Amino acid sequence: MAYAGRVTIPEAEPPQPETPETPGEESRQAGPEGRLKHQLKERLRARSEGRRQERDDERGGQPDEGRSDVGAGAVPERPEERLERAVRAAEQALIEYEIALETFRVEVENFSRLHHQKLGPMYARLDELDARIAEATAARTGDPEDRRKADEARARVMPMPGVEELFHGWMDDEGLYPEAAAMLTDQSVRPPQRVRPGEEARKLYRDLVRKAHPDLAQEEGERQRREEFITRVNAAYARGDEALLRELSEEWAAGPVPEEQRLTRSEELYARLEWLAQRKELLSVLAKELEESAIGGMLRIAPDDPDTLLDEIAEQLLAQVAEREAELERLTA
């Protein structure tokens, strides 16, 4: 119900307003109606000022509370997130290191191959000339010491071993021998001894297939396990390997290997960091071996243009060959 002003008796109305809210002569002369309008204006002004104050508080006085509300409502960082960031950083660093190492390894391998192809004949020519010079010197002096040096020089002039000799029969110029490839792929090194495996092998094989066939699995993981096992069974049967088939029968009867206790996310991340560190250490050893090799040392001489280095070495060898030939000609003249 709206307030209509204070009800008074005309005779009791004082000549002066009782409240200080009266704005002036106009409101005093207006009587109760004027006072009602004045009160309504005051309420509207107070309400407007209250809204203005609320807006000011939102812009100035309340930001901290707003931020605290947002902060309180935000999802706190999981303890594993810091480890995950560390793992991602370590993985990226390892990738870059492997790229650099593989790039250097390819350069070492290519330089070694080109060095052998382009400069190998020159080195062989120098060895041959050194042997002939030593032999010519021994023939002229007759000194036993010169003869010994000539024999040593001749012994150094040996034909360069072929690829099959370097790899001890594992491969030739065309690649790995079948036996070597079989060993590297876990296949049989020897051919089967007969067309049809023995009766015992056939019996073991049939029993294993009936028990371990992948179609008997109801879950994808179990199906994959059975497929891998049957692959081993088929390989053993193809070789007629009864002993291996018996071992596979015992393995299947024993059941799947129990899974290790599942690690927590933090434990997985720590294990991943440890593996990355070990991998980096291994790659560092390989990088050191490459850098300290003879070819690696050559590449360090001209890291920006190794192909030019090959040409420079070839020129030096040609000059040495010319010197040796001139010396041999003087000795045999």
C-alpha atoms as a PDB file:
ATOM      1  CA  MET A   1       0.000   0.000   0.000  1.00  0.00           C
ATOM      2  CA  ALA A   2       1.456   3.342  -1.012  1.00  0.00           C
ATOM      3  CA  TYR A   3       2.284   5.803   1.717  1.00  0.00           C
ATOM      4  CA  ALA A   4      -0.021   8.859   1.403  1.00  0.00           C
ATOM      5  CA  GLY A   5       1.696  11.139   3.826  1.00  0.00           C
ATOM      6  CA  ARG A   6       1.108  11.910   7.433  1.00  0.00           C
ATOM      7  CA  VAL A   7      -2.508  12.659   8.365  1.00  0.00           C
ATOM      8  CA  THR A   8      -2.789  15.819  10.497  1.00  0.00           C
ATOM      9  CA  ILE A   9      -5.421  18.140  11.841  1.00  0.00           C
ATOM     10  CA  PRO A  10      -5.254  21.595  10.180  1.00  0.00           C
ATOM     11  CA  GLU A  11      -5.224  23.398  13.477  1.00  0.00           C
ATOM     12  CA  ALA A  12      -2.301  21.337  14.719  1.00  0.00           C
ATOM     13  CA  GLU A  13      -0.226  21.847  11.577  1.00  0.00           C
ATOM     14  CA  PRO A  14       2.908  23.758  12.519  1.00  0.00           C
ATOM     15  CA  PRO A  15       3.992  26.738  10.437  1.00  0.00           C
ATOM     16  CA  GLN A  16       7.371  25.076   9.743  1.00  0.00           C
ATOM     17  CA  PRO A  17       7.983  21.529   8.353  1.00  0.00           C
ATOM     18  CA  GLU A  18       8.856  18.938  10.942  1.00  0.00           C
ATOM     19  CA  THR A  19      11.296  17.061   8.706  1.00  0.00           C
ATOM     20  CA  PRO A  20      14.372  18.335   6.909  1.00  0.00           C
ATOM     21  CA  GLU A  21      13.405  16.508   3.725  1.00  0.00           C
ATOM     22  CA  THR A  22      11.173  19.375   2.603  1.00  0.00           C
ATOM     23  CA  PRO A  23      12.918  20.790  -0.461  1.00  0.00           C
ATOM     24  CA  GLY A  24      11.629  24.383  -0.258  1.00  0.00           C
ATOM     25  CA  GLU A  25       8.772  26.717  -0.455  1.00  0.00           C
ATOM     26  CA  GLU A  26       7.168  24.902  -3.375  1.00  0.00           C
ATOM     27  CA  SER A  27       6.861  21.643  -1.445  1.00  0.00           C
ATOM     28  CA  ARG A  28       5.707  23.441   1.713  1.00  0.00           C
ATOM     29  CA  GLN A  29       2.937  25.159  -0.177  1.00  0.00           C
ATOM     30  CA  ALA A  30       1.921  21.955  -1.987  1.00  0.00           C
ATOM     31  CA  GLY A  31       0.649  20.288   1.167  1.00  0.00           C
ATOM     32  CA  PRO A  32       0.240  16.517   1.485  1.00  0.00           C
ATOM     33  CA  GLU A  33       0.138  15.994  -2.305  1.00  0.00           C
ATOM     34  CA  GLY A  34       3.437  17.768  -2.758  1.00  0.00           C
ATOM     35  CA  ARG A  35       5.024  15.805   0.028  1.00  0.00           C
ATOM     36  CA  LEU A  36       3.835  12.554  -1.575  1.00  0.00           C
ATOM     37  CA  LYS A  37       5.413  13.504  -4.912  1.00  0.00           C
ATOM     38  CA  HIS A  38       8.572  14.489  -3.128  1.00  0.00           C
ATOM     39  CA  GLN A  39       8.785  11.172  -1.307  1.00  0.00           C
ATOM     40  CA  LEU A  40       8.230   9.239  -4.537  1.00  0.00           C
ATOM     41  CA  LYS A  41      11.038  11.209  -6.219  1.00  0.00           C
ATOM     42  CA  GLU A  42      13.321  10.495  -3.269  1.00  0.00           C
ATOM     43  CA  ARG A  43      12.596   6.779  -3.483  1.00  0.00           C
ATOM     44  CA  LEU A  44      13.242   6.733  -7.236  1.00  0.00           C
ATOM     45  CA  ARG A  45      16.465   8.676  -6.783  1.00  0.00           C
ATOM     46  CA  ALA A  46      17.593   6.326  -3.989  1.00  0.00           C
ATOM     47  CA  ARG A  47      16.794   3.316  -6.127  1.00  0.00           C
ATOM     48  CA  SER A  48      18.711   4.821  -9.068  1.00  0.00           C
ATOM     49  CA  GLU A  49      21.681   5.593  -6.842  1.00  0.00           C
ATOM     50  CA  GLY A  50      21.558   2.054  -5.464  1.00  0.00           C
ATOM     51  CA  ARG A  51      21.716   0.582  -8.972  1.00  0.00           C
ATOM     52  CA  ARG A  52      24.541   2.937  -9.892  1.00  0.00           C
ATOM     53  CA  GLN A  53      26.428   1.871  -6.782  1.00  0.00           C
ATOM     54  CA  GLU A  54      25.944  -1.789  -7.701  1.00  0.00           C
ATOM     55  CA  ARG A  55      27.383  -1.143 -11.170  1.00  0.00           C
ATOM     56  CA  ASP A  56      30.312   0.718  -9.637  1.00  0.00           C
ATOM     57  CA  ASP A  57      30.898  -2.139  -7.232  1.00  0.00           C
ATOM     58  CA  GLU A  58      30.903  -4.617 -10.109  1.00  0.00           C
ATOM     59  CA  ARG A  59      33.489  -2.535 -11.960  1.00  0.00           C
ATOM     60  CA  GLY A  60      35.609  -1.537  -8.998  1.00  0.00           C
ATOM     61  CA  GLY A  61      34.764  -2.993  -5.653  1.00  0.00           C
ATOM     62  CA  GLN A  62      33.737  -6.517  -6.634  1.00  0.00           C
ATOM     63  CA  PRO A  63      36.371  -7.770  -9.128  1.00  0.00           C
ATOM     64  CA  ASP A  64      38.303  -9.619  -6.452  1.00  0.00           C
ATOM     65  CA  GLU A  65      35.183 -11.455  -5.357  1.00  0.00           C
ATOM     66  CA  GLY A  66      34.378 -12.254  -8.950  1.00  0.00           C
ATOM     67  CA  ARG A  67      37.832 -13.558  -9.576  1.00  0.00           C
ATOM     68  CA  SER A  68      37.761 -15.595  -6.425  1.00  0.00           C
ATOM     69  CA  ASP A  69      34.445 -17.097  -7.504  1.00  0.00           C
ATOM     70  CA  VAL A  70      35.931 -18.012 -10.880  1.00  0.00           C
ATOM     71  CA  GLY A  71      39.065 -19.384  -9.270  1.00  0.00           C
ATOM     72  CA  ALA A  72      37.024 -21.395  -6.841  1.00  0.00           C
ATOM     73  CA  GLY A  73      34.959 -22.816  -9.679  1.00  0.00           C
ATOM     74  CA  ALA A  74      37.945 -23.631 -11.939  1.00  0.00           C
ATOM     75  CA  VAL A  75      39.169 -27.223 -12.148  1.00  0.00           C
ATOM     76  CA  PRO A  76      42.435 -27.551 -10.196  1.00  0.00           C
ATOM     77  CA  GLU A  77      45.490 -28.905 -12.002  1.00  0.00           C
ATOM     78  CA  ARG A  78      45.892 -32.652 -11.693  1.00  0.00           C
ATOM     79  CA  PRO A  79      49.155 -33.817 -10.087  1.00  0.00           C
ATOM     80  CA  GLU A  80      49.943 -35.811 -13.236  1.00  0.00           C
ATOM     81  CA  GLU A  81      49.745 -32.809 -15.575  1.00  0.00           C
ATOM     82  CA  ARG A  82      53.209 -31.606 -14.619  1.00  0.00           C
ATOM     83  CA  LEU A  83      54.610 -35.076 -15.309  1.00  0.00           C
ATOM     84  CA  GLU A  84      52.737 -35.248 -18.603  1.00  0.00           C
ATOM     85  CA  ARG A  85      54.285 -31.951 -19.705  1.00  0.00           C
ATOM     86  CA  ALA A  86      57.731 -33.243 -18.720  1.00  0.00           C
ATOM     87  CA  VAL A  87      57.162 -36.455 -20.681  1.00  0.00           C
ATOM     88  CA  ARG A  88      56.037 -34.541 -23.774  1.00  0.00           C
ATOM     89  CA  ALA A  89      59.069 -32.267 -23.579  1.00  0.00           C
ATOM     90  CA  ALA A  90      61.423 -35.238 -23.148  1.00  0.00           C
ATOM     91  CA  GLU A  91      59.794 -37.082 -26.045  1.00  0.00           C
ATOM     92  CA  GLN A  92      60.163 -34.084 -28.342  1.00  0.00           C
ATOM     93  CA  ALA A  93      63.796 -33.601 -27.326  1.00  0.00           C
ATOM     94  CA  LEU A  94      64.522 -37.280 -27.960  1.00  0.00           C
ATOM     95  CA  ILE A  95      62.887 -37.110 -31.384  1.00  0.00           C
ATOM     96  CA  GLU A  96      65.044 -34.151 -32.372  1.00  0.00           C
ATOM     97  CA  TYR A  97      68.147 -35.932 -31.059  1.00  0.00           C
ATOM     98  CA  GLU A  98      67.312 -39.086 -33.026  1.00  0.00           C
ATOM     99  CA  ILE A  99      66.790 -37.026 -36.173  1.00  0.00           C
ATOM    100  CA  ALA A 100      70.202 -35.407 -35.758  1.00  0.00           C
ATOM    101  CA  LEU A 101      71.851 -38.748 -35.002  1.00  0.00           C
ATOM    102  CA  GLU A 102      70.249 -40.513 -37.955  1.00  0.00           C
ATOM    103  CA  THR A 103      71.223 -37.642 -40.245  1.00  0.00           C
ATOM    104  CA  PHE A 104      74.834 -37.916 -39.108  1.00  0.00           C
ATOM    105  CA  ARG A 105      74.780 -41.720 -39.373  1.00  0.00           C
ATOM    106  CA  VAL A 106      73.572 -41.547 -42.974  1.00  0.00           C
ATOM    107  CA  GLU A 107      76.319 -39.064 -43.808  1.00  0.00           C
ATOM    108  CA  VAL A 108      78.946 -41.312 -42.209  1.00  0.00           C
ATOM    109  CA  GLU A 109      77.653 -44.344 -44.099  1.00  0.00           C
ATOM    110  CA  ASN A 110      77.461 -42.525 -47.431  1.00  0.00           C
ATOM    111  CA  PHE A 111      80.864 -40.934 -46.944  1.00  0.00           C
ATOM    112  CA  SER A 112      82.360 -44.327 -46.104  1.00  0.00           C
ATOM    113  CA  ARG A 113      80.846 -45.921 -49.195  1.00  0.00           C
ATOM    114  CA  LEU A 114      81.941 -43.114 -51.513  1.00  0.00           C
ATOM    115  CA  HIS A 115      85.348 -43.004 -49.848  1.00  0.00           C
ATOM    116  CA  HIS A 116      85.770 -46.707 -50.568  1.00  0.00           C
ATOM    117  CA  GLN A 117      84.526 -46.445 -54.144  1.00  0.00           C
ATOM    118  CA  LYS A 118      86.428 -43.323 -55.166  1.00  0.00           C
ATOM    119  CA  LEU A 119      89.585 -43.536 -53.088  1.00  0.00           C
ATOM    120  CA  GLY A 120      89.947 -47.263 -52.500  1.00  0.00           C
ATOM    121  CA  PRO A 121      91.791 -47.872 -55.790  1.00  0.00           C
ATOM    122  CA  MET A 122      94.197 -45.013 -55.013  1.00  0.00           C
ATOM    123  CA  TYR A 123      95.021 -46.454 -51.584  1.00  0.00           C
ATOM    124  CA  ALA A 124      95.585 -49.849 -53.184  1.00  0.00           C
ATOM    125  CA  ARG A 125      97.865 -48.261 -55.790  1.00  0.00           C
ATOM    126  CA  LEU A 126      99.888 -46.527 -53.062  1.00  0.00           C
ATOM    127  CA  ASP A 127     100.320 -49.811 -51.170  1.00  0.00           C
ATOM    128  CA  GLU A 128     101.481 -51.538 -54.322  1.00  0.00           C
ATOM    129  CA  LEU A 129     103.972 -48.779 -55.112  1.00  0.00           C
ATOM    130  CA  ASP A 130     105.324 -48.853 -51.532  1.00  0.00           C
ATOM    131  CA  ALA A 131     105.850 -52.612 -51.814  1.00  0.00           C
ATOM    132  CA  ARG A 132     107.658 -52.293 -55.139  1.00  0.00           C
ATOM    133  CA  ILE A 133     109.861 -49.484 -53.813  1.00  0.00           C
ATOM    134  CA  ALA A 134     110.785 -51.593 -50.772  1.00  0.00           C
ATOM    135  CA  GLU A 135     111.524 -54.617 -52.980  1.00  0.00           C
ATOM    136  CA  ALA A 136     113.647 -52.541 -55.349  1.00  0.00           C
ATOM    137  CA  THR A 137     115.568 -51.093 -52.414  1.00  0.00           C
ATOM    138  CA  ALA A 138     116.200 -54.568 -50.946  1.00  0.00           C
ATOM    139  CA  ALA A 139     117.351 -55.873 -54.320  1.00  0.00           C
ATOM    140  CA  ARG A 140     119.885 -53.076 -54.638  1.00  0.00           C
ATOM    141  CA  THR A 141     121.261 -53.221 -51.091  1.00  0.00           C
ATOM    142  CA  GLY A 142     120.928 -56.914 -50.271  1.00  0.00           C
ATOM    143  CA  ASP A 143     120.418 -55.887 -46.658  1.00  0.00           C
ATOM    144  CA  PRO A 144     118.369 -58.429 -44.645  1.00  0.00           C
ATOM    145  CA  GLU A 145     116.599 -55.575 -42.874  1.00  0.00           C
ATOM    146  CA  ASP A 146     115.544 -54.116 -46.212  1.00  0.00           C
ATOM    147  CA  ARG A 147     114.374 -57.568 -47.245  1.00  0.00           C
ATOM    148  CA  ARG A 148     112.251 -57.837 -44.105  1.00  0.00           C
ATOM    149  CA  LYS A 149     110.724 -54.424 -44.756  1.00  0.00           C
ATOM    150  CA  ALA A 150     109.978 -55.437 -48.336  1.00  0.00           C
ATOM    151  CA  ASP A 151     108.206 -58.585 -47.168  1.00  0.00           C
ATOM    152  CA  GLU A 152     106.118 -56.588 -44.719  1.00  0.00           C
ATOM    153  CA  ALA A 153     105.201 -54.067 -47.400  1.00  0.00           C
ATOM    154  CA  ARG A 154     104.201 -56.856 -49.769  1.00  0.00           C
ATOM    155  CA  ALA A 155     102.078 -58.474 -47.046  1.00  0.00           C
ATOM    156  CA  ARG A 156     100.156 -55.261 -46.672  1.00  0.00           C
ATOM    157  CA  VAL A 157      99.220 -55.376 -50.332  1.00  0.00           C
ATOM    158  CA  MET A 158      96.317 -57.780 -49.910  1.00  0.00           C
ATOM    159  CA  PRO A 159      93.184 -57.920 -51.999  1.00  0.00           C
ATOM    160  CA  MET A 160      90.337 -56.060 -50.367  1.00  0.00           C
ATOM    161  CA  PRO A 161      87.910 -58.527 -48.787  1.00  0.00           C
ATOM    162  CA  GLY A 162      84.546 -58.940 -50.393  1.00  0.00           C
ATOM    163  CA  VAL A 163      81.276 -58.281 -48.673  1.00  0.00           C
ATOM    164  CA  GLU A 164      80.723 -61.968 -48.002  1.00  0.00           C
ATOM    165  CA  GLU A 165      84.078 -62.186 -46.229  1.00  0.00           C
ATOM    166  CA  LEU A 166      83.421 -59.104 -44.136  1.00  0.00           C
ATOM    167  CA  PHE A 167      80.093 -60.487 -42.962  1.00  0.00           C
ATOM    168  CA  HIS A 168      81.314 -64.056 -42.512  1.00  0.00           C
ATOM    169  CA  GLY A 169      78.914 -65.641 -44.947  1.00  0.00           C
ATOM    170  CA  TRP A 170      75.826 -63.793 -43.749  1.00  0.00           C
ATOM    171  CA  MET A 171      75.383 -61.732 -46.895  1.00  0.00           C
ATOM    172  CA  ASP A 172      76.864 -60.955 -50.278  1.00  0.00           C
ATOM    173  CA  ASP A 173      76.520 -58.112 -52.763  1.00  0.00           C
ATOM    174  CA  GLU A 174      72.867 -59.023 -53.309  1.00  0.00           C
ATOM    175  CA  GLY A 175      71.900 -58.964 -49.636  1.00  0.00           C
ATOM    176  CA  LEU A 176      71.345 -61.459 -46.828  1.00  0.00           C
ATOM    177  CA  TYR A 177      71.621 -65.152 -47.477  1.00  0.00           C
ATOM    178  CA  PRO A 178      68.340 -67.052 -46.986  1.00  0.00           C
ATOM    179  CA  GLU A 179      69.650 -68.732 -43.842  1.00  0.00           C
ATOM    180  CA  ALA A 180      70.626 -65.399 -42.322  1.00  0.00           C
ATOM    181  CA  ALA A 181      67.290 -63.834 -43.207  1.00  0.00           C
ATOM    182  CA  ALA A 182      65.498 -66.790 -41.630  1.00  0.00           C
ATOM    183  CA  MET A 183      67.426 -66.415 -38.390  1.00  0.00           C
ATOM    184  CA  LEU A 184      66.671 -62.711 -38.181  1.00  0.00           C
ATOM    185  CA  THR A 185      62.949 -63.316 -38.736  1.00  0.00           C
ATOM    186  CA  ASP A 186      62.679 -66.271 -36.330  1.00  0.00           C
ATOM    187  CA  GLN A 187      62.024 -68.664 -39.169  1.00  0.00           C
ATOM    188  CA  SER A 188      63.539 -72.036 -39.773  1.00  0.00           C
ATOM    189  CA  VAL A 189      67.200 -72.013 -40.713  1.00  0.00           C
ATOM    190  CA  ARG A 190      67.007 -75.464 -42.256  1.00  0.00           C
ATOM    191  CA  PRO A 191      64.445 -76.728 -44.788  1.00  0.00           C
ATOM    192  CA  PRO A 192      61.888 -79.353 -43.717  1.00  0.00           C
ATOM    193  CA  GLN A 193      63.196 -82.918 -43.743  1.00  0.00           C
ATOM    194  CA  ARG A 194      60.074 -84.436 -45.330  1.00  0.00           C
ATOM    195  CA  VAL A 195      56.972 -83.375 -47.223  1.00  0.00           C
ATOM    196  CA  ARG A 196      54.487 -84.616 -44.624  1.00  0.00           C
ATOM    197  CA  PRO A 197      55.265 -84.211 -40.927  1.00  0.00           C
ATOM    198  CA  GLY A 198      55.164 -87.286 -38.727  1.00  0.00           C
ATOM    199  CA  GLU A 199      52.037 -88.737 -37.170  1.00  0.00           C
ATOM    200  CA  GLU A 200      52.830 -87.363 -33.713  1.00  0.00           C
ATOM    201  CA  ALA A 201      53.367 -83.879 -35.123  1.00  0.00           C
ATOM    202  CA  ARG A 202      50.047 -84.048 -36.961  1.00  0.00           C
ATOM    203  CA  LYS A 203      48.237 -85.163 -33.809  1.00  0.00           C
ATOM    204  CA  LEU A 204      49.769 -82.385 -31.704  1.00  0.00           C
ATOM    205  CA  TYR A 205      48.965 -79.863 -34.391  1.00  0.00           C
ATOM    206  CA  ARG A 206      45.307 -80.877 -34.689  1.00  0.00           C
ATOM    207  CA  ASP A 207      44.829 -80.808 -30.914  1.00  0.00           C
ATOM    208  CA  LEU A 208      46.380 -77.355 -30.617  1.00  0.00           C
ATOM    209  CA  VAL A 209      44.297 -75.893 -33.431  1.00  0.00           C
ATOM    210  CA  ARG A 210      41.089 -77.300 -31.944  1.00  0.00           C
ATOM    211  CA  LYS A 211      41.885 -75.738 -28.569  1.00  0.00           C
ATOM    212  CA  ALA A 212      43.455 -72.438 -29.595  1.00  0.00           C
ATOM    213  CA  HIS A 213      41.606 -71.495 -32.776  1.00  0.00           C
ATOM    214  CA  PRO A 214      40.971 -67.708 -32.863  1.00  0.00           C
ATOM    215  CA  ASP A 215      37.290 -68.192 -33.742  1.00  0.00           C
ATOM    216  CA  LEU A 216      36.730 -69.583 -30.255  1.00  0.00           C
ATOM    217  CA  ALA A 217      37.565 -66.217 -28.699  1.00  0.00           C
ATOM    218  CA  GLN A 218      34.798 -63.857 -27.611  1.00  0.00           C
ATOM    219  CA  GLU A 219      36.965 -60.816 -26.926  1.00  0.00           C
ATOM    220  CA  GLU A 220      39.278 -59.009 -29.320  1.00  0.00           C
ATOM    221  CA  GLY A 221      42.278 -59.235 -27.005  1.00  0.00           C
ATOM    222  CA  GLU A 222      41.858 -62.976 -26.587  1.00  0.00           C
ATOM    223  CA  ARG A 223      41.426 -63.394 -30.336  1.00  0.00           C
ATOM    224  CA  GLN A 224      44.685 -61.584 -31.010  1.00  0.00           C
ATOM    225  CA  ARG A 225      46.486 -63.751 -28.453  1.00  0.00           C
ATOM    226  CA  ARG A 226      45.172 -66.900 -30.135  1.00  0.00           C
ATOM    227  CA  GLU A 227      46.131 -65.671 -33.608  1.00  0.00           C
ATOM    228  CA  GLU A 228      49.705 -65.057 -32.501  1.00  0.00           C
ATOM    229  CA  PHE A 229      49.855 -68.468 -30.840  1.00  0.00           C
ATOM    230  CA  ILE A 230      48.440 -70.302 -33.874  1.00  0.00           C
ATOM    231  CA  THR A 231      51.040 -68.571 -36.051  1.00  0.00           C
ATOM    232  CA  ARG A 232      53.750 -70.183 -33.927  1.00  0.00           C
ATOM    233  CA  VAL A 233      51.935 -73.521 -34.077  1.00  0.00           C
ATOM    234  CA  ASN A 234      51.740 -73.384 -37.878  1.00  0.00           C
ATOM    235  CA  ALA A 235      55.447 -72.566 -38.153  1.00  0.00           C
ATOM    236  CA  ALA A 236      56.385 -75.481 -35.882  1.00  0.00           C
ATOM    237  CA  TYR A 237      54.152 -77.866 -37.813  1.00  0.00           C
ATOM    238  CA  ALA A 238      55.570 -76.727 -41.162  1.00  0.00           C
ATOM    239  CA  ARG A 239      59.006 -77.796 -39.900  1.00  0.00           C
ATOM    240  CA  GLY A 240      57.672 -81.008 -38.416  1.00  0.00           C
ATOM    241  CA  ASP A 241      59.126 -79.976 -35.059  1.00  0.00           C
ATOM    242  CA  GLU A 242      57.444 -82.363 -32.619  1.00  0.00           C
ATOM    243  CA  ALA A 243      59.455 -81.127 -29.635  1.00  0.00           C
ATOM    244  CA  LEU A 244      58.358 -77.546 -30.192  1.00  0.00           C
ATOM    245  CA  LEU A 245      54.750 -78.623 -30.693  1.00  0.00           C
ATOM    246  CA  ARG A 246      54.863 -80.385 -27.318  1.00  0.00           C
ATOM    247  CA  GLU A 247      56.239 -77.238 -25.710  1.00  0.00           C
ATOM    248  CA  LEU A 248      53.444 -75.229 -27.285  1.00  0.00           C
ATOM    249  CA  SER A 249      50.899 -77.716 -25.953  1.00  0.00           C
ATOM    250  CA  GLU A 250      52.285 -77.286 -22.443  1.00  0.00           C
ATOM    251  CA  GLU A 251      52.297 -73.523 -22.862  1.00  0.00           C
ATOM    252  CA  TRP A 252      48.663 -73.477 -23.913  1.00  0.00           C
ATOM    253  CA  ALA A 253      47.653 -75.785 -21.091  1.00  0.00           C
ATOM    254  CA  ALA A 254      49.325 -73.455 -18.588  1.00  0.00           C
ATOM    255  CA  GLY A 255      47.082 -70.613 -19.737  1.00  0.00           C
ATOM    256  CA  PRO A 256      47.901 -66.992 -20.519  1.00  0.00           C
ATOM    257  CA  VAL A 257      50.595 -65.235 -18.594  1.00  0.00           C
ATOM    258  CA  PRO A 258      48.902 -63.148 -15.875  1.00  0.00           C
ATOM    259  CA  GLU A 259      48.994 -59.453 -16.586  1.00  0.00           C
ATOM    260  CA  GLU A 260      51.217 -57.364 -14.421  1.00  0.00           C
ATOM    261  CA  GLN A 261      49.587 -55.161 -11.853  1.00  0.00           C
ATOM    262  CA  ARG A 262      48.364 -52.051 -13.604  1.00  0.00           C
ATOM    263  CA  LEU A 263      50.438 -49.009 -12.822  1.00  0.00           C
ATOM    264  CA  THR A 264      48.967 -45.730 -11.765  1.00  0.00           C
ATOM    265  CA  ARG A 265      49.141 -42.823 -14.179  1.00  0.00           C
ATOM    266  CA  SER A 266      51.989 -41.262 -12.209  1.00  0.00           C
ATOM    267  CA  GLU A 267      53.919 -44.550 -12.196  1.00  0.00           C
ATOM    268  CA  GLU A 268      53.432 -44.894 -15.950  1.00  0.00           C
ATOM    269  CA  LEU A 269      54.743 -41.379 -16.508  1.00  0.00           C
ATOM    270  CA  TYR A 270      57.767 -41.942 -14.276  1.00  0.00           C
ATOM    271  CA  ALA A 271      58.491 -45.203 -16.112  1.00  0.00           C
ATOM    272  CA  ARG A 272      58.190 -43.381 -19.432  1.00  0.00           C
ATOM    273  CA  LEU A 273      60.633 -40.699 -18.293  1.00  0.00           C
ATOM    274  CA  GLU A 274      63.085 -43.371 -17.166  1.00  0.00           C
ATOM    275  CA  TRP A 275      62.847 -45.152 -20.519  1.00  0.00           C
ATOM    276  CA  LEU A 276      63.377 -41.883 -22.394  1.00  0.00           C
ATOM    277  CA  ALA A 277      66.474 -41.170 -20.301  1.00  0.00           C
ATOM    278  CA  GLN A 278      67.884 -44.638 -20.987  1.00  0.00           C
ATOM    279  CA  ARG A 279      67.161 -44.262 -24.692  1.00  0.00           C
ATOM    280  CA  LYS A 280      68.929 -40.903 -24.752  1.00  0.00           C
ATOM    281  CA  GLU A 281      71.951 -42.441 -22.999  1.00  0.00           C
ATOM    282  CA  LEU A 282      72.111 -45.270 -25.544  1.00  0.00           C
ATOM    283  CA  LEU A 283      71.889 -42.842 -28.457  1.00  0.00           C
ATOM    284  CA  SER A 284      74.625 -40.728 -26.891  1.00  0.00           C
ATOM    285  CA  VAL A 285      76.931 -43.761 -26.884  1.00  0.00           C
ATOM    286  CA  LEU A 286      76.173 -44.417 -30.558  1.00  0.00           C
ATOM    287  CA  ALA A 287      76.745 -40.772 -31.419  1.00  0.00           C
ATOM    288  CA  LYS A 288      80.102 -40.811 -29.641  1.00  0.00           C
ATOM    289  CA  GLU A 289      81.182 -43.923 -31.540  1.00  0.00           C
ATOM    290  CA  LEU A 290      80.251 -42.312 -34.840  1.00  0.00           C
ATOM    291  CA  GLU A 291      82.050 -39.085 -34.016  1.00  0.00           C
ATOM    292  CA  GLU A 292      85.213 -40.889 -32.895  1.00  0.00           C
ATOM    293  CA  SER A 293      85.347 -43.162 -35.949  1.00  0.00           C
ATOM    294  CA  ALA A 294      87.780 -42.457 -38.764  1.00  0.00           C
ATOM    295  CA  ILE A 295      85.013 -41.382 -41.111  1.00  0.00           C
ATOM    296  CA  GLY A 296      83.408 -39.274 -38.400  1.00  0.00           C
ATOM    297  CA  GLY A 297      86.719 -37.524 -37.877  1.00  0.00           C
ATOM    298  CA  MET A 298      86.910 -36.767 -41.591  1.00  0.00           C
ATOM    299  CA  LEU A 299      83.412 -35.342 -41.569  1.00  0.00           C
ATOM    300  CA  ARG A 300      84.315 -33.031 -38.703  1.00  0.00           C
ATOM    301  CA  ILE A 301      87.022 -31.535 -40.902  1.00  0.00           C
ATOM    302  CA  ALA A 302      84.460 -30.343 -43.441  1.00  0.00           C
ATOM    303  CA  PRO A 303      81.000 -30.514 -41.870  1.00  0.00           C
ATOM    304  CA  ASP A 304      79.496 -28.062 -44.359  1.00  0.00           C
ATOM    305  CA  ASP A 305      80.687 -29.729 -47.579  1.00  0.00           C
ATOM    306  CA  PRO A 306      81.892 -33.332 -47.159  1.00  0.00           C
ATOM    307  CA  ASP A 307      81.729 -33.976 -50.913  1.00  0.00           C
ATOM    308  CA  THR A 308      84.416 -31.366 -51.501  1.00  0.00           C
ATOM    309  CA  LEU A 309      86.531 -33.087 -48.861  1.00  0.00           C
ATOM    310  CA  LEU A 310      86.464 -36.292 -50.912  1.00  0.00           C
ATOM    311  CA  ASP A 311      87.746 -34.393 -53.934  1.00  0.00           C
ATOM    312  CA  GLU A 312      90.524 -32.813 -51.871  1.00  0.00           C
ATOM    313  CA  ILE A 313      91.617 -36.198 -50.491  1.00  0.00           C
ATOM    314  CA  ALA A 314      91.590 -37.619 -54.012  1.00  0.00           C
ATOM    315  CA  GLU A 315      93.887 -34.840 -55.210  1.00  0.00           C
ATOM    316  CA  GLN A 316      96.301 -35.506 -52.342  1.00  0.00           C
ATOM    317  CA  LEU A 317      96.352 -39.231 -53.101  1.00  0.00           C
ATOM    318  CA  LEU A 318      96.985 -38.579 -56.773  1.00  0.00           C
ATOM    319  CA  ALA A 319      99.953 -36.405 -55.851  1.00  0.00           C
ATOM    320  CA  GLN A 320     101.319 -39.145 -53.575  1.00  0.00           C
ATOM    321  CA  VAL A 321     100.880 -41.727 -56.325  1.00  0.00           C
ATOM    322  CA  ALA A 322     102.860 -39.528 -58.714  1.00  0.00           C
ATOM    323  CA  GLU A 323     105.656 -39.154 -56.138  1.00  0.00           C
ATOM    324  CA  ARG A 324     105.833 -42.924 -55.530  1.00  0.00           C
ATOM    325  CA  GLU A 325     105.906 -43.679 -59.237  1.00  0.00           C
ATOM    326  CA  ALA A 326     108.749 -41.212 -59.755  1.00  0.00           C
ATOM    327  CA  GLU A 327     110.690 -42.749 -56.857  1.00  0.00           C
ATOM    328  CA  LEU A 328     110.179 -46.267 -58.185  1.00  0.00           C
ATOM    329  CA  GLU A 329     111.333 -45.201 -61.617  1.00  0.00           C
ATOM    330  CA  ARG A 330     114.556 -43.836 -60.144  1.00  0.00           C
ATOM    331  CA  LEU A 331     115.223 -47.058 -58.243  1.00  0.00           C
ATOM    332  CA  THR A 332     114.633 -49.303 -61.235  1.00  0.00           C
ATOM    333  CA  ALA A 333     116.403 -47.136 -63.799  1.00  0.00           C
END
